[in-house]
Amino acid sequence: MRAAFWVGCAALLLSACSSEPVQQATAAHVSLGMKAAMSSAGEANCAMIGGSLSAARQLDGSVIGMCALPNGKRCSEQSLAAGNCGSY
């Protein structure tokens, strides 16, 4: 009985230590500083083709401007300006 109690306590402590905070990586949680990642020319190009503006955080922590195209494809500001996004 006593061993079962200690095993239960140990399991409770271990499960409490393994919990992580909820990650919020959706577009709804983009901070205002990230919205400034796209230049006004990139914003205009994205709007002209019917896309919607967003920002994407890279693995190194940098932020780049992204355009969500009407066909569902996402394209970076640089690729959109260079014409490397294919058909819209």
N, C-alpha and C. Protein backbone atom coordinates (compact mmCIF):
# COMPACT_ATOMS: atom_id res chain seq x y z
N MET A 1 0.83 -1.18 0.00
CA MET A 1 0.00 0.00 0.00
C MET A 1 0.88 1.26 0.00
N ARG A 2 1.91 1.23 0.83
CA ARG A 2 2.79 2.38 0.93
C ARG A 2 3.57 2.58 -0.38
N ALA A 3 4.00 1.49 -1.00
CA ALA A 3 4.74 1.57 -2.27
C ALA A 3 3.85 2.13 -3.37
N ALA A 4 2.59 1.73 -3.38
CA ALA A 4 1.65 2.24 -4.39
C ALA A 4 1.45 3.75 -4.22
N PHE A 5 1.43 4.20 -2.98
CA PHE A 5 1.28 5.63 -2.72
C PHE A 5 2.47 6.40 -3.28
N TRP A 6 3.69 5.90 -3.05
CA TRP A 6 4.88 6.59 -3.53
C TRP A 6 4.99 6.53 -5.06
N VAL A 7 4.58 5.44 -5.64
CA VAL A 7 4.57 5.34 -7.10
C VAL A 7 3.58 6.35 -7.69
N GLY A 8 2.43 6.48 -7.06
CA GLY A 8 1.43 7.45 -7.51
C GLY A 8 1.94 8.88 -7.40
N CYS A 9 2.61 9.19 -6.28
CA CYS A 9 3.17 10.53 -6.10
C CYS A 9 4.26 10.81 -7.14
N ALA A 10 5.11 9.83 -7.40
CA ALA A 10 6.17 10.01 -8.39
C ALA A 10 5.59 10.22 -9.78
N ALA A 11 4.56 9.47 -10.12
CA ALA A 11 3.92 9.64 -11.43
C ALA A 11 3.28 11.02 -11.55
N LEU A 12 2.68 11.49 -10.48
CA LEU A 12 2.06 12.81 -10.49
C LEU A 12 3.11 13.91 -10.67
N LEU A 13 4.22 13.79 -9.96
CA LEU A 13 5.29 14.78 -10.08
C LEU A 13 5.91 14.77 -11.48
N LEU A 14 6.13 13.59 -12.03
CA LEU A 14 6.73 13.51 -13.36
C LEU A 14 5.80 14.06 -14.43
N SER A 15 4.52 13.81 -14.29
CA SER A 15 3.59 14.33 -15.30
C SER A 15 3.47 15.85 -15.21
N ALA A 16 3.61 16.40 -14.03
CA ALA A 16 3.56 17.86 -13.87
C ALA A 16 4.81 18.51 -14.45
N CYS A 17 5.94 17.85 -14.37
CA CYS A 17 7.18 18.41 -14.89
C CYS A 17 7.25 18.38 -16.41
N SER A 18 6.52 17.48 -17.04
CA SER A 18 6.63 17.33 -18.48
C SER A 18 5.68 18.23 -19.25
N SER A 19 4.82 18.96 -18.57
CA SER A 19 3.88 19.81 -19.30
C SER A 19 4.59 21.03 -19.86
N GLU A 20 4.23 21.42 -21.09
CA GLU A 20 4.82 22.57 -21.75
C GLU A 20 3.74 23.60 -22.02
N PRO A 21 4.11 24.86 -22.11
CA PRO A 21 3.10 25.88 -22.42
C PRO A 21 2.56 25.69 -23.84
N VAL A 22 1.35 26.09 -24.05
CA VAL A 22 0.72 25.96 -25.35
C VAL A 22 1.40 26.92 -26.33
N GLN A 23 1.76 26.41 -27.50
CA GLN A 23 2.40 27.24 -28.51
C GLN A 23 1.32 27.87 -29.38
N GLN A 24 1.45 29.15 -29.64
CA GLN A 24 0.48 29.86 -30.45
C GLN A 24 1.16 30.36 -31.71
N ALA A 25 1.11 29.56 -32.76
CA ALA A 25 1.79 29.91 -33.99
C ALA A 25 0.81 30.15 -35.14
N THR A 26 -0.37 30.61 -34.82
CA THR A 26 -1.33 30.89 -35.87
C THR A 26 -1.23 32.35 -36.28
N ALA A 27 -1.80 32.66 -37.41
CA ALA A 27 -1.76 34.03 -37.91
C ALA A 27 -2.51 34.99 -36.99
N ALA A 28 -3.44 34.47 -36.20
CA ALA A 28 -4.21 35.32 -35.30
C ALA A 28 -3.35 35.86 -34.16
N HIS A 29 -2.20 35.25 -33.92
CA HIS A 29 -1.35 35.66 -32.81
C HIS A 29 -0.10 36.39 -33.28
N VAL A 30 -0.10 36.94 -34.48
CA VAL A 30 1.05 37.67 -34.99
C VAL A 30 1.10 39.03 -34.33
N SER A 31 2.24 39.35 -33.77
CA SER A 31 2.38 40.64 -33.09
C SER A 31 2.47 41.78 -34.11
N LEU A 32 2.24 42.99 -33.65
CA LEU A 32 2.27 44.15 -34.54
C LEU A 32 3.64 44.36 -35.17
N GLY A 33 4.69 44.04 -34.45
CA GLY A 33 6.03 44.19 -35.00
C GLY A 33 6.29 43.28 -36.17
N MET A 34 5.66 42.12 -36.19
CA MET A 34 5.83 41.19 -37.29
C MET A 34 5.06 41.65 -38.53
N LYS A 35 3.99 42.39 -38.35
CA LYS A 35 3.20 42.84 -39.49
C LYS A 35 3.97 43.84 -40.35
N ALA A 36 4.98 44.47 -39.78
CA ALA A 36 5.78 45.44 -40.53
C ALA A 36 6.88 44.78 -41.34
N ALA A 37 6.87 43.45 -41.44
CA ALA A 37 7.94 42.74 -42.13
C ALA A 37 7.88 42.94 -43.64
N MET A 38 6.70 43.23 -44.20
CA MET A 38 6.58 43.38 -45.64
C MET A 38 6.63 44.85 -46.02
N SER A 39 7.36 45.14 -47.07
CA SER A 39 7.47 46.52 -47.53
C SER A 39 6.17 46.96 -48.18
N SER A 40 6.03 48.26 -48.39
CA SER A 40 4.80 48.77 -48.99
C SER A 40 4.67 48.29 -50.44
N ALA A 41 5.79 48.13 -51.16
CA ALA A 41 5.74 47.62 -52.52
C ALA A 41 5.28 46.16 -52.53
N GLY A 42 5.79 45.38 -51.59
CA GLY A 42 5.36 43.98 -51.48
C GLY A 42 3.91 43.87 -51.10
N GLU A 43 3.47 44.76 -50.23
CA GLU A 43 2.07 44.78 -49.82
C GLU A 43 1.18 45.13 -51.01
N ALA A 44 1.60 46.10 -51.82
CA ALA A 44 0.83 46.49 -52.99
C ALA A 44 0.78 45.37 -54.02
N ASN A 45 1.92 44.70 -54.26
CA ASN A 45 1.95 43.58 -55.21
C ASN A 45 1.02 42.47 -54.76
N CYS A 46 1.02 42.17 -53.49
CA CYS A 46 0.17 41.11 -52.94
C CYS A 46 -1.31 41.48 -53.10
N ALA A 47 -1.64 42.72 -52.79
CA ALA A 47 -3.03 43.17 -52.90
C ALA A 47 -3.50 43.20 -54.35
N MET A 48 -2.61 43.54 -55.29
CA MET A 48 -3.00 43.61 -56.70
C MET A 48 -3.42 42.26 -57.27
N ILE A 49 -2.84 41.19 -56.77
CA ILE A 49 -3.20 39.87 -57.29
C ILE A 49 -4.27 39.18 -56.43
N GLY A 50 -4.81 39.90 -55.46
CA GLY A 50 -5.89 39.36 -54.64
C GLY A 50 -5.43 38.54 -53.45
N GLY A 51 -4.17 38.69 -53.07
CA GLY A 51 -3.63 37.93 -51.95
C GLY A 51 -3.84 38.64 -50.63
N SER A 52 -3.56 37.93 -49.56
CA SER A 52 -3.65 38.54 -48.23
C SER A 52 -2.28 38.49 -47.57
N LEU A 53 -1.98 39.52 -46.84
CA LEU A 53 -0.68 39.75 -46.25
C LEU A 53 -0.50 39.00 -44.94
N SER A 54 0.68 38.44 -44.73
CA SER A 54 1.01 37.82 -43.45
C SER A 54 2.52 37.89 -43.24
N ALA A 55 2.95 37.51 -42.08
CA ALA A 55 4.38 37.48 -41.76
C ALA A 55 4.72 36.09 -41.26
N ALA A 56 5.91 35.63 -41.59
CA ALA A 56 6.34 34.30 -41.17
C ALA A 56 7.66 34.41 -40.43
N ARG A 57 7.71 33.81 -39.25
CA ARG A 57 8.95 33.80 -38.47
C ARG A 57 9.78 32.60 -38.92
N GLN A 58 11.04 32.86 -39.24
CA GLN A 58 11.95 31.82 -39.69
C GLN A 58 12.60 31.14 -38.49
N LEU A 59 13.29 30.03 -38.73
CA LEU A 59 13.92 29.28 -37.65
C LEU A 59 15.01 30.09 -36.94
N ASP A 60 15.64 31.02 -37.65
CA ASP A 60 16.68 31.82 -37.02
C ASP A 60 16.13 33.03 -36.27
N GLY A 61 14.79 33.18 -36.24
CA GLY A 61 14.16 34.27 -35.51
C GLY A 61 13.80 35.46 -36.37
N SER A 62 14.30 35.49 -37.60
CA SER A 62 13.97 36.61 -38.49
C SER A 62 12.53 36.48 -38.98
N VAL A 63 11.99 37.58 -39.47
CA VAL A 63 10.61 37.62 -39.94
C VAL A 63 10.61 38.06 -41.39
N ILE A 64 9.88 37.33 -42.25
CA ILE A 64 9.77 37.72 -43.65
C ILE A 64 8.31 37.91 -44.01
N GLY A 65 8.07 38.77 -44.98
CA GLY A 65 6.71 39.01 -45.44
C GLY A 65 6.26 37.90 -46.37
N MET A 66 5.03 37.46 -46.19
CA MET A 66 4.45 36.40 -47.02
C MET A 66 3.14 36.89 -47.60
N CYS A 67 2.81 36.39 -48.79
CA CYS A 67 1.54 36.70 -49.44
C CYS A 67 0.80 35.38 -49.65
N ALA A 68 -0.41 35.29 -49.09
CA ALA A 68 -1.25 34.11 -49.30
C ALA A 68 -2.05 34.36 -50.57
N LEU A 69 -1.73 33.64 -51.62
CA LEU A 69 -2.34 33.84 -52.93
C LEU A 69 -3.75 33.26 -52.97
N PRO A 70 -4.59 33.73 -53.90
CA PRO A 70 -5.97 33.23 -54.00
C PRO A 70 -6.06 31.72 -54.26
N ASN A 71 -5.03 31.13 -54.89
CA ASN A 71 -5.07 29.69 -55.17
C ASN A 71 -4.62 28.84 -53.98
N GLY A 72 -4.34 29.48 -52.84
CA GLY A 72 -3.94 28.76 -51.64
C GLY A 72 -2.45 28.67 -51.43
N LYS A 73 -1.66 29.04 -52.42
CA LYS A 73 -0.21 28.99 -52.31
C LYS A 73 0.29 30.19 -51.53
N ARG A 74 1.37 30.01 -50.79
CA ARG A 74 2.01 31.13 -50.07
C ARG A 74 3.32 31.43 -50.76
N CYS A 75 3.62 32.71 -50.85
CA CYS A 75 4.81 33.14 -51.57
C CYS A 75 5.49 34.26 -50.78
N SER A 76 6.81 34.22 -50.71
CA SER A 76 7.52 35.28 -50.00
C SER A 76 7.51 36.57 -50.81
N GLU A 77 7.74 37.66 -50.14
CA GLU A 77 7.75 38.97 -50.79
C GLU A 77 8.81 39.02 -51.90
N GLN A 78 9.98 38.45 -51.64
CA GLN A 78 11.06 38.47 -52.63
C GLN A 78 10.72 37.63 -53.85
N SER A 79 10.12 36.46 -53.64
CA SER A 79 9.75 35.61 -54.76
C SER A 79 8.64 36.23 -55.58
N LEU A 80 7.71 36.90 -54.91
CA LEU A 80 6.62 37.57 -55.61
C LEU A 80 7.16 38.70 -56.49
N ALA A 81 8.10 39.47 -55.97
CA ALA A 81 8.69 40.57 -56.74
C ALA A 81 9.50 40.05 -57.92
N ALA A 82 10.15 38.90 -57.75
CA ALA A 82 10.97 38.33 -58.82
C ALA A 82 10.15 37.56 -59.84
N GLY A 83 8.87 37.33 -59.55
CA GLY A 83 8.01 36.59 -60.48
C GLY A 83 8.18 35.09 -60.39
N ASN A 84 8.66 34.58 -59.28
CA ASN A 84 8.91 33.15 -59.11
C ASN A 84 7.77 32.40 -58.44
N CYS A 85 6.59 33.00 -58.37
CA CYS A 85 5.48 32.36 -57.67
C CYS A 85 4.55 31.58 -58.60
N GLY A 86 4.82 31.55 -59.87
CA GLY A 86 3.98 30.82 -60.81
C GLY A 86 2.69 31.55 -61.08
N SER A 87 1.66 30.79 -61.44
CA SER A 87 0.37 31.41 -61.75
C SER A 87 -0.42 31.62 -60.47
N TYR A 88 -1.22 32.66 -60.45
CA TYR A 88 -1.99 33.01 -59.27
C TYR A 88 -3.35 32.41 -59.37
